PDB file of N, CA and C in Angstrom:
ATOM      1  N   MET A   1      -2.199  -5.436   9.826  1.00  0.00           N
ATOM      2  CA  MET A   1      -1.937  -4.371   8.935  1.00  0.00           C
ATOM      3  C   MET A   1      -0.501  -4.119   8.564  1.00  0.00           C
ATOM      4  N   MET A   2      -0.886  -3.538   6.805  1.00  0.00           N
ATOM      5  CA  MET A   2       0.505  -3.885   6.327  1.00  0.00           C
ATOM      6  C   MET A   2       1.405  -2.593   6.443  1.00  0.00           C
ATOM      7  N   ILE A   3       0.746  -1.695   6.689  1.00  0.00           N
ATOM      8  CA  ILE A   3       1.233  -0.769   7.060  1.00  0.00           C
ATOM      9  C   ILE A   3       1.439   0.430   7.828  1.00  0.00           C
ATOM     10  N   VAL A   4       2.511   0.961   8.124  1.00  0.00           N
ATOM     11  CA  VAL A   4       3.368   1.623   9.729  1.00  0.00           C
ATOM     12  C   VAL A   4       2.111   3.131   9.627  1.00  0.00           C
ATOM     13  N   GLN A   5       1.178   2.458  10.878  1.00  0.00           N
ATOM     14  CA  GLN A   5       0.132   4.031  10.667  1.00  0.00           C
ATOM     15  C   GLN A   5       1.085   5.674  11.122  1.00  0.00           C
ATOM     16  N   SER A   6       1.958   4.973  11.898  1.00  0.00           N
ATOM     17  CA  SER A   6       2.717   6.180  12.336  1.00  0.00           C
ATOM     18  C   SER A   6       3.055   6.956  11.509  1.00  0.00           C
ATOM     19  N   LYS A   7       3.924   6.291  10.343  1.00  0.00           N
ATOM     20  CA  LYS A   7       4.531   7.078   9.152  1.00  0.00           C
ATOM     21  C   LYS A   7       3.582   7.579   8.327  1.00  0.00           C
ATOM     22  N   VAL A   8       1.969   6.680   8.042  1.00  0.00           N
ATOM     23  CA  VAL A   8       1.636   7.411   7.135  1.00  0.00           C
ATOM     24  C   VAL A   8       0.777   8.339   8.038  1.00  0.00           C
ATOM     25  N   ARG A   9       0.279   8.419   9.312  1.00  0.00           N
ATOM     26  CA  ARG A   9      -0.191  10.187   9.798  1.00  0.00           C
ATOM     27  C   ARG A   9       0.705  11.423  10.182  1.00  0.00           C
ATOM     28  N   ASP A  10       1.995  10.926   9.914  1.00  0.00           N
ATOM     29  CA  ASP A  10       2.934  11.630   9.890  1.00  0.00           C
ATOM     30  C   ASP A  10       3.271  12.095   8.714  1.00  0.00           C
ATOM     31  N   TYR A  11       2.798  11.380   7.536  1.00  0.00           N
ATOM     32  CA  TYR A  11       3.233  11.526   6.191  1.00  0.00           C
ATOM     33  C   TYR A  11       1.827  13.133   5.398  1.00  0.00           C
ATOM     34  N   ILE A  12       0.752  12.402   6.263  1.00  0.00           N
ATOM     35  CA  ILE A  12      -0.232  13.356   6.052  1.00  0.00           C
ATOM     36  C   ILE A  12      -0.195  14.852   6.648  1.00  0.00           C
ATOM     37  N   LYS A  13       0.182  14.512   7.846  1.00  0.00           N
ATOM     38  CA  LYS A  13       0.654  16.049   8.707  1.00  0.00           C
ATOM     39  C   LYS A  13       1.410  17.229   8.073  1.00  0.00           C
ATOM     40  N   GLU A  14       2.208  15.921   6.992  1.00  0.00           N
ATOM     41  CA  GLU A  14       3.324  17.267   6.364  1.00  0.00           C
ATOM     42  C   GLU A  14       2.541  17.885   4.961  1.00  0.00           C
ATOM     43  N   LEU A  15       1.457  17.122   4.557  1.00  0.00           N
ATOM     44  CA  LEU A  15       0.894  17.514   3.972  1.00  0.00           C
ATOM     45  C   LEU A  15       0.009  18.766   4.267  1.00  0.00           C
ATOM     46  N   GLY A  16       0.064  18.792   5.148  1.00  0.00           N
ATOM     47  CA  GLY A  16      -1.154  19.963   5.730  1.00  0.00           C
ATOM     48  C   GLY A  16      -1.836  19.913   6.990  1.00  0.00           C
ATOM     49  N   ASP A  17      -2.290  21.114   7.796  1.00  0.00           N
ATOM     50  CA  ASP A  17      -2.973  20.361   8.871  1.00  0.00           C
ATOM     51  C   ASP A  17      -4.288  19.729   8.755  1.00  0.00           C
ATOM     52  N   TYR A  18      -4.170  18.495   8.418  1.00  0.00           N
ATOM     53  CA  TYR A  18      -5.136  16.968   8.617  1.00  0.00           C
ATOM     54  C   TYR A  18      -5.038  16.459   9.595  1.00  0.00           C
ATOM     55  N   LYS A  19      -6.365  15.607   9.720  1.00  0.00           N
ATOM     56  CA  LYS A  19      -6.044  14.678  11.067  1.00  0.00           C
ATOM     57  C   LYS A  19      -6.059  13.155  10.189  1.00  0.00           C
ATOM     58  N   VAL A  20      -6.135  12.173  10.556  1.00  0.00           N
ATOM     59  CA  VAL A  20      -6.380  10.941   9.811  1.00  0.00           C
ATOM     60  C   VAL A  20      -7.720   9.434  10.183  1.00  0.00           C
ATOM     61  N   GLY A  21      -8.349   9.821   9.520  1.00  0.00           N
ATOM     62  CA  GLY A  21      -9.440   9.012   9.859  1.00  0.00           C
ATOM     63  C   GLY A  21      -8.888   7.467  10.449  1.00  0.00           C
ATOM     64  N   GLY A  22      -9.583   6.496  11.423  1.00  0.00           N
ATOM     65  CA  GLY A  22      -8.714   5.606  11.620  1.00  0.00           C
ATOM     66  C   GLY A  22      -9.797   4.912  10.334  1.00  0.00           C
ATOM     67  N   ASP A  23     -10.713   4.680   9.428  1.00  0.00           N
ATOM     68  CA  ASP A  23     -11.564   3.971   8.402  1.00  0.00           C
ATOM     69  C   ASP A  23     -10.312   4.377   7.094  1.00  0.00           C
ATOM     70  N   LEU A  24      -9.266   5.400   7.043  1.00  0.00           N
ATOM     71  CA  LEU A  24      -8.405   5.607   6.107  1.00  0.00           C
ATOM     72  C   LEU A  24      -7.336   4.426   6.226  1.00  0.00           C
ATOM     73  N   LEU A  25      -7.022   4.268   7.334  1.00  0.00           N
ATOM     74  CA  LEU A  25      -6.033   3.419   7.711  1.00  0.00           C
ATOM     75  C   LEU A  25      -6.058   1.783   7.038  1.00  0.00           C
ATOM     76  N   LYS A  26      -7.423   1.424   7.110  1.00  0.00           N
ATOM     77  CA  LYS A  26      -7.827   0.342   6.876  1.00  0.00           C
ATOM     78  C   LYS A  26      -7.914   0.137   5.265  1.00  0.00           C
ATOM     79  N   ALA A  27      -8.692   0.903   5.048  1.00  0.00           N
ATOM     80  CA  ALA A  27      -9.136   1.707   3.498  1.00  0.00           C
ATOM     81  C   ALA A  27      -7.254   1.020   2.527  1.00  0.00           C
ATOM     82  N   LEU A  28      -6.544   1.933   2.974  1.00  0.00           N
ATOM     83  CA  LEU A  28      -5.499   2.066   2.452  1.00  0.00           C
ATOM     84  C   LEU A  28      -4.640   0.497   2.921  1.00  0.00           C
ATOM     85  N   ASP A  29      -4.455  -0.155   3.877  1.00  0.00           N
ATOM     86  CA  ASP A  29      -4.125  -1.461   4.379  1.00  0.00           C
ATOM     87  C   ASP A  29      -4.968  -2.637   3.057  1.00  0.00           C
ATOM     88  N   ASP A  30      -6.303  -2.052   2.894  1.00  0.00           N
ATOM     89  CA  ASP A  30      -7.059  -2.666   1.703  1.00  0.00           C
ATOM     90  C   ASP A  30      -6.846  -2.438   0.268  1.00  0.00           C
ATOM     91  N   VAL A  31      -6.143  -1.681  -0.027  1.00  0.00           N
ATOM     92  CA  VAL A  31      -5.946  -1.007  -1.256  1.00  0.00           C
ATOM     93  C   VAL A  31      -4.627  -2.233  -1.314  1.00  0.00           C
ATOM     94  N   LEU A  32      -3.357  -1.774   0.005  1.00  0.00           N
ATOM     95  CA  LEU A  32      -2.087  -2.135  -0.768  1.00  0.00           C
ATOM     96  C   LEU A  32      -2.304  -3.565  -0.701  1.00  0.00           C
ATOM     97  N   ALA A  33      -3.365  -4.408   0.130  1.00  0.00           N
ATOM     98  CA  ALA A  33      -2.705  -5.753  -0.036  1.00  0.00           C
ATOM     99  C   ALA A  33      -3.109  -6.316  -1.828  1.00  0.00           C
ATOM    100  N   VAL A  34      -4.972  -5.293  -2.127  1.00  0.00           N
ATOM    101  CA  VAL A  34      -5.001  -5.856  -3.635  1.00  0.00           C
ATOM    102  C   VAL A  34      -3.940  -5.700  -4.584  1.00  0.00           C
ATOM    103  N   LEU A  35      -3.594  -4.088  -4.451  1.00  0.00           N
ATOM    104  CA  LEU A  35      -2.112  -4.484  -5.185  1.00  0.00           C
ATOM    105  C   LEU A  35      -1.261  -4.916  -5.374  1.00  0.00           C
ATOM    106  N   LEU A  36      -0.795  -5.302  -4.492  1.00  0.00           N
ATOM    107  CA  LEU A  36       0.206  -6.809  -3.874  1.00  0.00           C
ATOM    108  C   LEU A  36       0.193  -7.704  -4.482  1.00  0.00           C
ATOM    109  N   LYS A  37      -1.115  -8.381  -4.610  1.00  0.00           N
ATOM    110  CA  LYS A  37      -1.422  -9.280  -5.104  1.00  0.00           C
ATOM    111  C   LYS A  37      -1.324  -9.476  -6.424  1.00  0.00           C
ATOM    112  N   LYS A  38      -2.195  -8.427  -7.239  1.00  0.00           N
ATOM    113  CA  LYS A  38      -2.345  -8.082  -8.679  1.00  0.00           C
ATOM    114  C   LYS A  38      -0.198  -8.281  -8.885  1.00  0.00           C
ATOM    115  N   ALA A  39      -0.071  -7.466  -8.313  1.00  0.00           N
ATOM    116  CA  ALA A  39       1.273  -7.197  -8.731  1.00  0.00           C
ATOM    117  C   ALA A  39       2.024  -9.026  -8.482  1.00  0.00           C
ATOM    118  N   ALA A  40       1.859  -9.557  -7.464  1.00  0.00           N
ATOM    119  CA  ALA A  40       2.215 -10.692  -7.769  1.00  0.00           C
ATOM    120  C   ALA A  40       2.251 -11.639  -8.660  1.00  0.00           C
ATOM    121  N   ASN A  41       0.189 -11.859  -8.552  1.00  0.00           N
ATOM    122  CA  ASN A  41      -0.007 -12.250  -9.933  1.00  0.00           C
ATOM    123  C   ASN A  41       0.810 -12.321 -11.387  1.00  0.00           C
ATOM    124  N   ARG A  42       1.319 -11.029 -11.477  1.00  0.00           N
ATOM    125  CA  ARG A  42       1.363 -10.003 -12.695  1.00  0.00           C
ATOM    126  C   ARG A  42       2.883 -11.199 -13.083  1.00  0.00           C
ATOM    127  N   ALA A  43       3.823 -10.916 -12.078  1.00  0.00           N
ATOM    128  CA  ALA A  43       5.010 -11.572 -12.038  1.00  0.00           C
ATOM    129  C   ALA A  43       5.048 -12.953 -12.056  1.00  0.00           C
ATOM    130  N   LYS A  44       4.167 -13.812 -11.589  1.00  0.00           N
ATOM    131  CA  LYS A  44       4.136 -15.171 -11.773  1.00  0.00           C
ATOM    132  C   LYS A  44       3.323 -14.969 -13.040  1.00  0.00           C
ATOM    133  N   ALA A  45       2.832 -15.010 -13.915  1.00  0.00           N
ATOM    134  CA  ALA A  45       2.117 -14.890 -15.305  1.00  0.00           C
ATOM    135  C   ALA A  45       3.341 -14.220 -16.320  1.00  0.00           C
ATOM    136  N   ASN A  46       4.422 -14.130 -16.115  1.00  0.00           N
ATOM    137  CA  ASN A  46       5.510 -13.757 -16.306  1.00  0.00           C
ATOM    138  C   ASN A  46       6.673 -14.172 -16.378  1.00  0.00           C
ATOM    139  N   GLY A  47       5.843 -15.483 -15.489  1.00  0.00           N
ATOM    140  CA  GLY A  47       7.487 -16.245 -15.249  1.00  0.00           C
ATOM    141  C   GLY A  47       8.588 -15.933 -13.977  1.00  0.00           C
ATOM    142  N   ARG A  48       8.368 -15.152 -13.311  1.00  0.00           N
ATOM    143  CA  ARG A  48       9.296 -15.403 -12.646  1.00  0.00           C
ATOM    144  C   ARG A  48       8.642 -15.300 -11.156  1.00  0.00           C
ATOM    145  N   LYS A  49       9.675 -15.712 -10.028  1.00  0.00           N
ATOM    146  CA  LYS A  49       9.537 -15.278  -8.710  1.00  0.00           C
ATOM    147  C   LYS A  49      10.008 -14.065  -7.958  1.00  0.00           C
ATOM    148  N   THR A  50      10.127 -13.201  -8.712  1.00  0.00           N
ATOM    149  CA  THR A  50      10.694 -11.840  -8.144  1.00  0.00           C
ATOM    150  C   THR A  50       9.525 -10.927  -8.506  1.00  0.00           C
ATOM    151  N   VAL A  51       8.796 -10.600  -7.578  1.00  0.00           N
ATOM    152  CA  VAL A  51       7.699  -8.901  -7.819  1.00  0.00           C
ATOM    153  C   VAL A  51       8.499  -7.859  -7.741  1.00  0.00           C
ATOM    154  N   SER A  52       8.443  -7.156  -8.827  1.00  0.00           N
ATOM    155  CA  SER A  52       9.380  -5.525  -8.457  1.00  0.00           C
ATOM    156  C   SER A  52       8.400  -4.827  -9.099  1.00  0.00           C
ATOM    157  N   ALA A  53       8.694  -3.132  -9.456  1.00  0.00           N
ATOM    158  CA  ALA A  53       8.036  -2.311  -9.735  1.00  0.00           C
ATOM    159  C   ALA A  53       7.344  -2.722 -10.589  1.00  0.00           C
ATOM    160  N   ARG A  54       8.001  -2.873 -11.812  1.00  0.00           N
ATOM    161  CA  ARG A  54       7.141  -3.164 -12.943  1.00  0.00           C
ATOM    162  C   ARG A  54       6.100  -3.665 -13.441  1.00  0.00           C
ATOM    163  N   ASP A  55       5.596  -4.446 -11.949  1.00  0.00           N
ATOM    164  CA  ASP A  55       4.500  -5.218 -11.963  1.00  0.00           C
ATOM    165  C   ASP A  55       3.547  -4.607 -10.978  1.00  0.00           C
ATOM    166  N   LEU A  56       3.926  -3.680 -10.585  1.00  0.00           N
ATOM    167  CA  LEU A  56       2.714  -2.515 -10.265  1.00  0.00           C
ATOM    168  C   LEU A  56       1.864  -1.772 -11.301  1.00  0.00           C
TER     169      LEU A  56
END
C-alpha cells in the first residue's frame, strides 16, 4: 500500500459520518499507482527525471 490508511479514514470522517470499506482503500491505491506511472512516463517523454505536479 502506498497510501496511509489511517489518514484516508480520518479524512473521510471529516467529510461526514462515513465509514470506509476495505475495497475503497485497495481501489484508491490502484488508482494512485496508475496515476503515478502515467506521471513518470510523461516526465520521461519530456526528457526529465523529475516527476512534478505538472505531470499529473
